[in-house]
Protein backbone atom coordinates (compact mmCIF):
# COMPACT_ATOMS: atom_id res chain seq x y z
CA UNK A 1 21.73 23.93 -9.52
CA UNK A 2 24.26 21.16 -9.01
CA UNK A 3 23.91 21.51 -5.25
CA UNK A 4 20.12 21.19 -5.64
CA UNK A 5 20.50 18.03 -7.71
CA UNK A 6 22.86 16.57 -5.11
CA UNK A 7 20.42 17.45 -2.31
CA UNK A 8 17.50 15.82 -4.14
CA UNK A 9 19.64 12.76 -4.93
CA UNK A 10 20.70 12.44 -1.29
CA UNK A 11 17.09 12.77 -0.14
CA UNK A 12 16.03 10.09 -2.63
CA UNK A 13 18.78 7.75 -1.41
CA UNK A 14 17.71 8.32 2.19
CA UNK A 15 14.10 7.56 1.22
CA UNK A 16 15.17 4.39 -0.61
CA UNK A 17 17.29 3.36 2.38
CA UNK A 18 14.34 3.92 4.70
CA UNK A 19 12.08 1.89 2.42
CA UNK A 20 14.64 -0.94 2.26
CA UNK A 21 14.97 -0.90 6.06
CA UNK A 22 11.19 -0.98 6.48
CA UNK A 23 10.97 -3.88 4.00
CA UNK A 24 13.67 -5.77 5.91
CA UNK A 25 11.83 -5.44 9.22
CA UNK A 26 8.52 -6.28 7.52
CA UNK A 27 9.91 -9.48 5.95
CA UNK A 28 11.99 -10.51 8.96
CA UNK A 29 10.58 -13.72 10.51
CA UNK A 30 8.69 -13.34 13.76
CA UNK A 31 10.25 -15.52 16.49
CA UNK A 32 7.68 -16.92 18.94
CA UNK A 33 8.70 -18.49 22.25
CA UNK A 34 6.73 -21.66 23.03
CA UNK A 35 6.40 -22.98 26.59
CA UNK A 36 5.99 -26.78 26.48
CA UNK A 37 6.57 -29.70 28.86
CA UNK A 38 9.99 -31.20 28.31
CA UNK A 39 10.27 -34.92 27.54
CA UNK A 40 6.71 -35.27 26.21
CA UNK A 41 5.17 -36.04 22.83
CA UNK A 42 4.06 -32.41 22.70
CA UNK A 43 7.66 -31.28 23.09
CA UNK A 44 8.67 -33.49 20.15
CA UNK A 45 5.75 -32.08 18.17
CA UNK A 46 6.84 -28.48 18.79
CA UNK A 47 10.47 -29.33 18.00
CA UNK A 48 9.40 -30.85 14.68
CA UNK A 49 7.28 -27.77 13.88
CA UNK A 50 10.20 -25.47 14.69
CA UNK A 51 12.45 -27.48 12.36
CA UNK A 52 9.91 -27.46 9.51
CA UNK A 53 9.25 -23.71 9.79
CA UNK A 54 12.97 -22.98 9.76
CA UNK A 55 13.75 -25.36 6.89
CA UNK A 56 10.96 -23.94 4.73
CA UNK A 57 11.93 -20.33 5.57
CA UNK A 58 8.47 -19.57 6.92
CA UNK A 59 7.69 -16.08 8.26
CA UNK A 60 7.13 -17.58 11.73
CA UNK A 61 9.92 -19.27 13.72
CA UNK A 62 9.56 -21.13 17.01
CA UNK A 63 11.93 -21.11 19.97
CA UNK A 64 11.12 -23.75 22.55
CA UNK A 65 10.95 -22.86 26.25
CA UNK A 66 11.08 -26.19 28.16
CA UNK A 67 9.06 -26.27 31.40
CA UNK A 68 8.62 -28.88 34.13
CA UNK A 69 4.83 -29.07 34.34
CA UNK A 70 1.56 -27.66 33.00
CA UNK A 71 1.43 -24.96 35.69
CA UNK A 72 4.87 -23.72 34.64
CA UNK A 73 3.71 -23.56 31.02
CA UNK A 74 0.77 -21.35 31.97
CA UNK A 75 2.97 -19.25 34.25
CA UNK A 76 5.46 -18.64 31.44
CA UNK A 77 2.70 -17.20 29.28
CA UNK A 78 1.42 -14.97 32.08
CA UNK A 79 4.94 -13.79 32.96
CA UNK A 80 5.60 -12.87 29.32
CA UNK A 81 8.57 -15.24 29.12
CA UNK A 82 6.69 -17.09 26.37
CA UNK A 83 4.48 -15.96 23.50
CA UNK A 84 2.75 -19.33 23.10
CA UNK A 85 2.06 -22.22 25.46
CA UNK A 86 0.93 -25.83 25.13
CA UNK A 87 -1.82 -26.43 27.71
CA UNK A 88 -4.78 -28.74 28.37
CA UNK A 89 -8.18 -27.10 28.37
CA UNK A 90 -9.15 -28.84 31.62
CA UNK A 91 -6.17 -27.34 33.46
CA UNK A 92 -5.81 -23.95 35.10
CA UNK A 93 -5.38 -21.78 32.02
CA UNK A 94 -3.32 -18.57 32.00
CA UNK A 95 -5.36 -15.38 32.11
CA UNK A 96 -5.96 -13.91 28.68
CA UNK A 97 -4.97 -17.13 26.90
CA UNK A 98 -6.55 -17.55 23.48
CA UNK A 99 -6.45 -20.59 21.20
CA UNK A 100 -4.56 -20.79 17.92
CA UNK A 101 -4.97 -24.51 17.11
CA UNK A 102 -6.00 -27.76 18.77
CA UNK A 103 -2.88 -29.89 18.74
CA UNK A 104 -4.74 -33.12 19.63
CA UNK A 105 -7.55 -34.52 21.74
CA UNK A 106 -6.73 -36.88 24.61
CA UNK A 107 -9.44 -39.43 25.31
CA UNK A 108 -9.96 -40.89 28.77
CA UNK A 109 -9.50 -44.69 28.73
CA UNK A 110 -10.13 -47.20 31.53
CA UNK A 111 -8.77 -50.64 30.63
CA UNK A 112 -8.77 -53.84 32.66
CA UNK A 113 -6.79 -57.00 31.87
CA UNK A 114 -8.61 -59.83 30.13
CA UNK A 115 -10.54 -62.03 32.52
CA UNK A 116 -10.84 -59.28 35.15
CA UNK A 117 -14.04 -58.96 37.14
CA UNK A 118 -14.05 -55.22 36.51
CA UNK A 119 -16.68 -54.51 33.88
CA UNK A 120 -18.02 -51.12 34.89
CA UNK A 121 -16.80 -48.13 36.86
CA UNK A 122 -18.69 -49.11 40.01
CA UNK A 123 -16.56 -52.28 40.07
CA UNK A 124 -13.46 -50.16 40.71
CA UNK A 125 -14.28 -49.62 44.37
CA UNK A 126 -11.49 -51.08 46.46
CA UNK A 127 -9.32 -51.68 43.36
CA UNK A 128 -5.86 -50.50 42.38
CA UNK A 129 -5.81 -48.19 39.39
CA UNK A 130 -2.62 -47.38 37.57
CA UNK A 131 -2.68 -43.79 36.26
CA UNK A 132 -0.41 -43.57 33.22
CA UNK A 133 1.09 -40.13 32.60
CA UNK A 134 3.79 -38.35 30.69
CA UNK A 135 6.33 -36.09 32.36
CA UNK A 136 4.58 -33.42 34.42
CA UNK A 137 1.10 -34.71 33.57
CA UNK A 138 0.22 -36.83 36.61
CA UNK A 139 -1.87 -34.20 38.38
CA UNK A 140 -4.00 -33.49 35.32
CA UNK A 141 -4.72 -37.17 34.65
CA UNK A 142 -5.43 -37.85 38.35
CA UNK A 143 -7.92 -34.96 38.48
CA UNK A 144 -9.63 -36.23 35.34
CA UNK A 145 -9.98 -39.70 36.86
CA UNK A 146 -11.46 -38.22 40.06
CA UNK A 147 -14.00 -36.27 37.98
CA UNK A 148 -15.09 -39.43 36.17
CA UNK A 149 -15.29 -41.49 39.38
CA UNK A 150 -17.33 -38.76 41.06
CA UNK A 151 -19.93 -39.03 38.29
CA UNK A 152 -20.54 -42.62 39.44
CA UNK A 153 -20.33 -41.85 43.18
CA UNK A 154 -16.98 -43.59 43.56
CA UNK A 155 -15.02 -41.60 46.12
CA UNK A 156 -11.32 -41.19 45.48
CA UNK A 157 -10.49 -42.74 48.88
CA UNK A 158 -12.29 -45.91 47.73
CA UNK A 159 -9.60 -46.61 45.12
CA UNK A 160 -5.83 -46.88 45.29
CA UNK A 161 -3.95 -44.74 42.75
CA UNK A 162 -0.59 -45.93 41.43
CA UNK A 163 1.30 -43.44 39.20
CA UNK A 164 2.90 -45.14 36.19
CA UNK A 165 4.98 -43.93 33.29
CA UNK A 166 4.24 -45.56 29.91
CA UNK A 167 7.37 -47.69 30.33
CA UNK A 168 6.25 -48.92 33.77
CA UNK A 169 2.70 -49.79 32.68
CA UNK A 170 3.65 -53.06 30.94
CA UNK A 171 5.55 -54.35 33.97
CA UNK A 172 2.71 -53.42 36.33
CA UNK A 173 0.20 -55.30 34.15
CA UNK A 174 2.35 -58.40 33.79
CA UNK A 175 3.04 -58.49 37.55
CA UNK A 176 -0.68 -57.95 38.24
CA UNK A 177 0.16 -55.06 40.53
CA UNK A 178 -2.93 -53.15 39.35
CA UNK A 179 -6.52 -54.03 38.54
CA UNK A 180 -7.05 -51.44 35.83
CA UNK A 181 -5.22 -48.75 33.88
CA UNK A 182 -6.34 -45.19 33.31
CA UNK A 183 -4.81 -42.81 30.77
CA UNK A 184 -5.76 -39.76 28.73
CA UNK A 185 -4.09 -39.81 25.36
CA UNK A 186 -4.68 -39.85 21.62
CA UNK A 187 -6.23 -43.28 20.90
CA UNK A 188 -4.18 -43.91 17.78
CA UNK A 189 -0.87 -42.81 19.32
CA UNK A 190 2.00 -45.21 19.80
CA UNK A 191 2.18 -45.16 23.64
CA UNK A 192 -1.52 -46.06 24.11
CA UNK A 193 -1.39 -48.76 21.46
CA UNK A 194 1.67 -50.24 23.19
CA UNK A 195 -0.15 -50.27 26.55
CA UNK A 196 -3.19 -52.02 25.05
CA UNK A 197 -0.91 -54.54 23.36
CA UNK A 198 0.87 -55.17 26.68
CA UNK A 199 -2.46 -55.78 28.46
CA UNK A 200 -3.53 -58.16 25.69
CA UNK A 201 -0.24 -60.06 25.91
CA UNK A 202 -0.59 -60.48 29.69
CA UNK A 203 -3.73 -62.58 29.32
CA UNK A 204 -5.20 -65.00 26.84
CA UNK A 205 -8.38 -62.95 26.88
CA UNK A 206 -8.94 -59.59 25.21
CA UNK A 207 -8.56 -56.45 27.35
CA UNK A 208 -11.77 -55.08 28.82
CA UNK A 209 -12.49 -51.44 27.90
CA UNK A 210 -14.61 -50.01 30.71
CA UNK A 211 -17.17 -47.71 29.08
CA UNK A 212 -17.78 -44.27 30.50
CA UNK A 213 -21.40 -44.22 29.43
CA UNK A 214 -22.17 -40.85 30.98
CA UNK A 215 -19.58 -38.99 28.88
CA UNK A 216 -22.22 -36.55 27.59
CA UNK A 217 -23.54 -35.90 31.08
CA UNK A 218 -20.00 -35.25 32.32
CA UNK A 219 -19.50 -32.79 29.45
CA UNK A 220 -22.62 -30.90 30.52
CA UNK A 221 -21.16 -30.45 34.00
CA UNK A 222 -17.60 -29.85 32.82
CA UNK A 223 -17.63 -28.18 29.35
CA UNK A 224 -13.89 -28.78 28.91
CA UNK A 225 -14.57 -32.56 28.80
CA UNK A 226 -16.05 -33.23 25.37
CA UNK A 227 -17.45 -36.69 24.55
CA UNK A 228 -15.44 -38.53 21.93
CA UNK A 229 -16.28 -41.76 20.15
CA UNK A 230 -13.91 -44.72 20.39
CA UNK A 231 -14.75 -46.87 17.39
CA UNK A 232 -14.80 -50.64 17.40
CA UNK A 233 -11.35 -52.01 16.58
CA UNK A 234 -9.56 -48.69 17.20
CA UNK A 235 -6.60 -50.64 18.65
CA UNK A 236 -6.66 -53.49 16.14
CA UNK A 237 -6.60 -57.11 17.21
CA UNK A 238 -8.75 -60.15 16.53
CA UNK A 239 -11.22 -60.04 18.12
CA UNK A 240 -11.19 -56.26 17.64
CA UNK A 241 -10.15 -54.02 20.49
CA UNK A 242 -12.53 -52.62 21.69
CA UNK A 243 -15.30 -55.00 20.75
CA UNK A 244 -17.94 -52.24 20.55
CA UNK A 245 -18.01 -48.52 19.85
CA UNK A 246 -18.47 -46.28 22.89
CA UNK A 247 -18.16 -42.65 23.99
CA UNK A 248 -15.60 -41.37 26.45
CA UNK A 249 -14.68 -37.91 27.82
CA UNK A 250 -11.79 -36.18 26.11
CA UNK A 251 -9.67 -33.12 26.79
CA UNK A 252 -8.06 -30.90 24.19
CA UNK A 253 -4.38 -30.03 24.17
CA UNK A 254 -4.22 -26.47 22.87
CA UNK A 255 -1.61 -24.14 21.50
CA UNK A 256 -2.58 -20.84 23.09
CA UNK A 257 -1.25 -17.31 22.75
CA UNK A 258 -1.44 -14.12 24.73
CA UNK A 259 -4.33 -11.89 23.67
CA UNK A 260 -1.80 -9.12 22.97
CA UNK A 261 -0.17 -11.14 20.17
CA UNK A 262 -0.73 -9.29 16.89
CA UNK A 263 -3.60 -10.66 14.82
CA UNK A 264 -1.43 -10.97 11.71
CA UNK A 265 1.18 -13.07 13.55
CA UNK A 266 -1.45 -15.23 15.26
CA UNK A 267 -3.21 -15.83 11.94
CA UNK A 268 0.05 -16.72 10.21
CA UNK A 269 1.02 -19.16 12.98
CA UNK A 270 -2.40 -20.81 12.75
CA UNK A 271 -2.04 -21.13 8.98
CA UNK A 272 1.37 -22.75 9.23
CA UNK A 273 0.35 -25.35 11.81
CA UNK A 274 -2.65 -26.34 9.69
CA UNK A 275 -1.00 -26.30 6.27
CA UNK A 276 2.37 -27.77 7.32
CA UNK A 277 1.02 -30.54 9.58
CA UNK A 278 1.85 -33.24 7.01
CA UNK A 279 5.49 -32.11 6.91
CA UNK A 280 5.56 -31.89 10.73
CA UNK A 281 4.01 -35.37 11.02
CA UNK A 282 6.95 -36.88 9.15
CA UNK A 283 9.00 -36.32 12.33
CA UNK A 284 6.18 -36.24 14.90
CA UNK A 285 3.14 -38.38 13.88
CA UNK A 286 1.09 -36.67 16.59
CA UNK A 287 0.84 -33.70 14.21
CA UNK A 288 -1.72 -35.62 12.13
CA UNK A 289 -4.24 -34.71 14.85
CA UNK A 290 -3.79 -30.93 14.57
CA UNK A 291 -7.11 -29.26 13.83
CA UNK A 292 -8.69 -25.83 13.69
CA UNK A 293 -10.62 -24.77 16.80
CA UNK A 294 -14.27 -23.80 16.71
CA UNK A 295 -14.71 -20.05 16.33
CA UNK A 296 -18.05 -20.08 18.17
CA UNK A 297 -18.19 -17.47 20.91
CA UNK A 298 -19.26 -20.13 23.42
CA UNK A 299 -15.92 -21.96 23.31
CA UNK A 300 -14.34 -22.86 26.67
CA UNK A 301 -11.12 -21.18 25.57
CA UNK A 302 -11.75 -18.22 23.23
CA UNK A 303 -10.06 -18.31 19.85
CA UNK A 304 -7.54 -15.59 19.08
CA UNK A 305 -8.98 -13.03 16.68
CA UNK A 306 -6.10 -13.55 14.23
CA UNK A 307 -6.70 -17.32 14.20
CA UNK A 308 -10.46 -16.81 13.84
CA UNK A 309 -9.91 -14.45 10.88
CA UNK A 310 -7.79 -17.07 9.12
CA UNK A 311 -10.17 -19.96 9.87
CA UNK A 312 -13.25 -17.97 8.79
CA UNK A 313 -11.51 -16.54 5.72
CA UNK A 314 -11.68 -12.98 7.01
CA UNK A 315 -7.97 -12.26 7.21
CA UNK A 316 -6.82 -8.94 5.86
CA UNK A 317 -4.42 -8.75 2.94
CA UNK A 318 -1.42 -6.45 2.70
CA UNK A 319 -3.41 -3.64 1.09
CA UNK A 320 -6.24 -4.00 3.60
CA UNK A 321 -3.89 -3.77 6.56
CA UNK A 322 -1.62 -1.04 5.27
CA UNK A 323 -3.86 0.94 2.90
CA UNK A 324 -4.01 3.90 5.29
CA UNK A 325 -0.22 3.95 5.63
CA UNK A 326 0.23 3.64 1.86
CA UNK A 327 -2.24 6.50 1.27
CA UNK A 328 -0.61 8.74 3.86
CA UNK A 329 2.85 7.79 2.59
CA UNK A 330 1.86 8.66 -0.98
CA UNK A 331 0.56 12.04 0.20
CA UNK A 332 3.74 12.73 2.13
CA UNK A 333 5.87 11.65 -0.81
CA UNK A 334 3.85 13.93 -3.08
CA UNK A 335 4.34 16.84 -0.67
CA UNK A 336 8.07 16.14 -0.45
CA UNK A 337 8.30 15.98 -4.25
CA UNK A 338 6.34 19.21 -4.64
CA UNK A 339 8.53 20.89 -2.05
CA UNK A 340 11.69 19.70 -3.75
CA UNK A 341 10.41 20.89 -7.12
CA UNK A 342 9.47 24.28 -5.65
CA UNK A 343 12.87 24.56 -4.00
CA UNK A 344 14.64 23.65 -7.20
CA UNK A 345 12.51 26.17 -9.11
CA UNK A 346 13.22 28.84 -6.52
CA UNK A 347 16.93 28.18 -6.60
CA UNK A 348 16.81 28.23 -10.40
CA UNK A 349 15.04 31.60 -10.36
CA UNK A 350 17.63 33.03 -7.98
CA UNK A 351 20.46 31.76 -10.15
CA UNK A 352 18.80 33.21 -13.24
CA UNK A 353 18.40 36.55 -11.45
CA UNK A 354 22.11 36.57 -10.56
CA UNK A 355 23.13 35.92 -14.17
CA UNK A 356 20.80 38.67 -15.37
CA UNK A 357 22.26 41.06 -12.82
CA UNK A 358 25.81 40.26 -13.95
CA UNK A 359 24.83 40.67 -17.60
CA UNK A 360 23.14 44.02 -16.95
CA UNK A 361 26.15 45.32 -15.02
CA UNK A 362 28.51 44.29 -17.82
CA UNK A 363 26.33 46.12 -20.34
CA UNK A 364 26.42 49.20 -18.13
CA UNK A 365 30.22 48.98 -18.02
CA UNK A 366 30.26 48.57 -21.81
CA UNK A 367 28.29 51.82 -22.32
CA UNK A 368 30.22 53.71 -19.66
CA UNK A 369 33.55 52.58 -21.11
CA UNK A 370 32.70 54.00 -24.54
CA UNK A 371 32.15 57.41 -22.89
CA UNK A 372 35.15 57.27 -20.53
CA UNK A 373 37.27 60.43 -20.63
CA UNK A 374 40.41 59.12 -18.94
CA UNK A 375 42.44 55.98 -18.67
CA UNK A 376 41.86 55.95 -14.93
CA UNK A 377 38.15 55.46 -15.53
CA UNK A 378 38.90 52.59 -17.88
CA UNK A 379 41.18 51.02 -15.29
CA UNK A 380 38.28 51.09 -12.81
CA UNK A 381 35.92 49.53 -15.31
CA UNK A 382 38.46 46.80 -16.12
CA UNK A 383 38.87 45.95 -12.43
CA UNK A 384 35.09 45.63 -12.13
CA UNK A 385 35.01 43.33 -15.20
CA UNK A 386 37.66 41.16 -13.55
CA UNK A 387 35.54 41.00 -10.39
CA UNK A 388 32.55 39.85 -12.46
CA UNK A 389 34.71 37.14 -14.01
CA UNK A 390 35.95 35.99 -10.61
CA UNK A 391 32.38 35.97 -9.23
CA UNK A 392 31.13 33.99 -12.23
CA UNK A 393 33.83 31.34 -11.93
CA UNK A 394 33.55 31.15 -8.13
CA UNK A 395 29.75 30.87 -7.91
CA UNK A 396 28.69 27.20 -8.35
CA UNK A 397 25.12 28.25 -8.99
CA UNK A 398 26.14 30.52 -11.86
CA UNK A 399 28.59 27.95 -13.25
CA UNK A 400 25.84 25.33 -13.23
CA UNK A 401 23.26 27.53 -14.98
CA UNK A 402 21.88 26.41 -18.33
CA UNK A 403 23.98 27.19 -21.44
CA UNK A 404 21.95 30.16 -22.69
CA UNK A 405 22.30 32.16 -19.47
CA UNK A 406 26.02 31.48 -19.16
CA UNK A 407 26.51 32.36 -22.83
CA UNK A 408 24.90 35.76 -22.28
CA UNK A 409 27.25 36.50 -19.38
CA UNK A 410 30.29 35.46 -21.44
CA UNK A 411 29.16 37.54 -24.42
CA UNK A 412 28.59 40.64 -22.26
CA UNK A 413 31.97 40.09 -20.58
CA UNK A 414 33.70 39.86 -23.94
CA UNK A 415 31.97 42.99 -25.31
CA UNK A 416 32.77 44.99 -22.17
CA UNK A 417 36.48 44.10 -22.50
CA UNK A 418 36.44 45.06 -26.17
CA UNK A 419 34.77 48.38 -25.40
CA UNK A 420 37.44 49.14 -22.78
CA UNK A 421 40.27 48.23 -25.17
CA UNK A 422 38.75 50.25 -28.03
CA UNK A 423 38.24 53.24 -25.76
CA UNK A 424 41.86 52.99 -24.61
CA UNK A 425 43.02 53.09 -28.22
CA UNK A 426 40.79 56.10 -28.94
CA UNK A 427 42.10 57.96 -25.90
CA UNK A 428 45.66 57.07 -26.83
CA UNK A 429 45.19 58.40 -30.38
CA UNK A 430 43.55 61.55 -29.10
CA UNK A 431 46.50 62.05 -26.76
CA UNK A 432 49.00 61.74 -29.63
CA UNK A 433 47.03 64.27 -31.72
CA UNK A 434 46.90 66.78 -28.91
CA UNK A 435 50.61 66.38 -28.32
CA UNK A 436 51.37 66.86 -32.04
CA UNK A 437 49.22 70.01 -32.26
CA UNK A 438 50.81 71.40 -29.17
CA UNK A 439 54.25 70.85 -30.63
CA UNK A 440 53.26 72.64 -33.89
CA UNK A 441 51.94 75.65 -32.04
CA UNK A 442 55.15 76.23 -30.03
CA UNK A 443 56.75 79.74 -30.78
CA UNK A 444 60.01 79.73 -32.87
CA UNK A 445 63.19 79.98 -30.93
CA UNK A 446 64.79 83.48 -30.93
């Protein structure tokens, strides 16, 4: 019985250890690798998110994978060296990429210095345009400019393109090396505001914002380019910059995941970026522009099912996701418990049978001893009683039997010994009587 208890205890400890191990792996944070252009505002945004998630002990952690350009970001996702990637929706997207969140929307802006003769896009023919870009983003911004110019039948060989970093834009404006600036960025971001301020400082007249009036028509031809409203006074100033509200094409910078990413992890990552954006914005103000993507099936970049479930409120809770496993586990546990109980009962029955067998044999010895005719028979019975005693003390199952069964064996053992001793005394007395009678019946000596 003791061995059975130890076996059941060991099995229970193994089960508890397995459950603890499963809980550890279930609660362990999921680490997601994020491919993002190094040296950009997006890189600083992802670094801030990684810090916030780690500091707040969130179930999702980010590990940044710096890349040199947008193509490398997409390639990292396709090559499975990254789980997430920061990409523009007008770029060549990795196959199978699905959106988690929109990090921000970059609006196309064409700005000419105050007093310039450039008032509309057609006026750019034969002009020098400075294309402002962040690290690795020149090609994307140049392609966007070409798309806009093509809408107005301005061929790219009719303009001169000058690549400029945000730091070089101010110098180029002040030196009048360019006739207009083009950029695609968040209107309320620091770099764009600085560029507009630099253009305003280079002339006594307010900068001229060249409207892209056909933004909606461009969006019809290129669905990735959504029209976005630039409100009057978006860049401050007096008079306000711009002086009137107008629409302009915009591109979305997306955080995308591989379609194979588990829905639960994708949904949790989406939740964290949306709920923690205020904390992230404390280190990276660009995070204020994070928004949920549209879950419409007609989206240019499909939304990951896990993200869509969270956004639409259809995410599955713990019981929903693991109810089948819990049900099956409960059944298995019940079967294991029933098996253990049956085994314990079976072992108990066998132990009880052994004690009954020992008791019956001792009672047989007791009866046989009372009828023994010789001391040799009693010696044999005594040896057998000793063997029963040795077997009882050496058998753990019998030693661990309940008190009543062991008491019966001990009582039978004691009675068998008494019967043997009493029979020895009777035989000894009978022997003395026979000897005395024999001596009395001896003939007298002659």
